Amino acid sequence: MSDFVVSLIRTNVPIAVGALISWLVSLGLVVPEGAEVPLTIAITAFAAAGYYAAARWLEKRWPAFGYLLGSKATPTYEPTARPYTTPL
């Protein structure tokens, strides 16, 4: 599998899990009218970030947990060009 595909999988799995967690939380949550959308967005963002952080921490300690991000493989990034430097 190419690094590009692996990076897409490892990026989108936490987003999907965050959305699922947000949806599950919203089933039992009663909020004032008009606050549903901002609250759903906030819960999704925090759930996705928390899931990603926890999965990366587990993967660092025990590499087998890399599957929590959808792929045990990690993409490699090589520099393609020399970084721009300002002339003196």
Protein backbone atom coordinates (compact mmCIF):
# COMPACT_ATOMS: atom_id res chain seq x y z
CA MET A 1 0.00 0.00 0.00
CA SER A 2 1.39 3.43 -0.88
CA ASP A 3 2.33 5.97 1.79
CA PHE A 4 -0.38 8.26 0.45
CA VAL A 5 -3.13 5.67 0.98
CA VAL A 6 -1.78 4.79 4.44
CA SER A 7 -1.77 8.47 5.43
CA LEU A 8 -5.37 8.86 4.25
CA ILE A 9 -6.50 5.82 6.21
CA ARG A 10 -4.67 6.89 9.39
CA THR A 11 -6.16 10.39 9.08
CA ASN A 12 -9.75 9.44 8.32
CA VAL A 13 -10.24 6.55 10.76
CA PRO A 14 -10.00 8.85 13.83
CA ILE A 15 -12.37 11.31 12.14
CA ALA A 16 -14.91 8.54 11.54
CA VAL A 17 -14.53 7.26 15.11
CA GLY A 18 -14.96 10.81 16.44
CA ALA A 19 -18.13 11.22 14.38
CA LEU A 20 -19.46 7.89 15.67
CA ILE A 21 -18.70 8.85 19.28
CA SER A 22 -20.38 12.22 18.73
CA TRP A 23 -23.46 10.58 17.28
CA LEU A 24 -23.67 8.11 20.19
CA VAL A 25 -23.31 10.93 22.72
CA SER A 26 -26.01 12.97 20.94
CA LEU A 27 -28.53 10.15 21.35
CA GLY A 28 -28.78 10.74 25.08
CA LEU A 29 -27.96 14.45 25.20
CA VAL A 30 -30.63 17.12 25.58
CA VAL A 31 -29.36 20.60 24.72
CA PRO A 32 -31.01 23.98 24.20
CA GLU A 33 -32.41 24.62 20.74
CA GLY A 34 -29.82 26.16 18.45
CA ALA A 35 -26.86 24.63 20.29
CA GLU A 36 -27.05 21.23 18.59
CA VAL A 37 -24.76 22.00 15.65
CA PRO A 38 -21.95 23.78 17.56
CA LEU A 39 -22.03 21.15 20.30
CA THR A 40 -21.94 18.31 17.79
CA ILE A 41 -18.98 19.89 16.01
CA ALA A 42 -17.12 20.40 19.29
CA ILE A 43 -17.80 16.86 20.54
CA THR A 44 -16.72 15.40 17.18
CA ALA A 45 -13.48 17.40 17.15
CA PHE A 46 -12.55 16.52 20.74
CA ALA A 47 -13.53 12.87 20.32
CA ALA A 48 -11.47 12.52 17.13
CA ALA A 49 -8.46 14.27 18.66
CA GLY A 50 -8.72 12.24 21.86
CA TYR A 51 -9.07 8.98 19.96
CA TYR A 52 -6.08 9.81 17.76
CA ALA A 53 -3.93 10.79 20.74
CA ALA A 54 -4.85 7.63 22.64
CA ALA A 55 -4.29 5.38 19.61
CA ARG A 56 -0.88 6.97 18.89
CA TRP A 57 0.15 6.62 22.54
CA LEU A 58 -0.88 2.96 22.57
CA GLU A 59 0.85 2.38 19.23
CA LYS A 60 4.06 3.93 20.53
CA ARG A 61 4.08 1.65 23.58
CA TRP A 62 2.73 -1.45 21.85
CA PRO A 63 3.05 -1.33 18.04
CA ALA A 64 0.26 -3.88 17.55
CA PHE A 65 -2.22 -1.13 18.51
CA GLY A 66 -1.45 0.64 15.21
CA TYR A 67 -4.54 -1.06 13.81
CA LEU A 68 -6.66 1.34 15.87
CA LEU A 69 -5.80 3.94 13.24
CA GLY A 70 -6.87 1.66 10.40
CA SER A 71 -3.39 0.54 9.38
CA LYS A 72 -0.42 -0.74 11.31
CA ALA A 73 1.90 0.69 8.65
CA THR A 74 3.10 4.24 9.13
CA PRO A 75 3.72 6.51 6.16
CA THR A 76 7.21 7.83 5.54
CA TYR A 77 7.79 11.36 4.38
CA GLU A 78 10.94 12.27 2.54
CA PRO A 79 11.84 15.83 1.65
CA THR A 80 11.25 16.46 -2.03
CA ALA A 81 13.01 19.79 -2.32
CA ARG A 82 15.49 21.86 -0.41
CA PRO A 83 13.68 24.30 1.89
CA TYR A 84 13.67 27.90 0.78
CA THR A 85 16.18 30.13 2.55
CA THR A 86 16.37 33.86 2.25
CA PRO A 87 19.55 35.25 0.74
CA LEU A 88 21.80 37.22 3.06
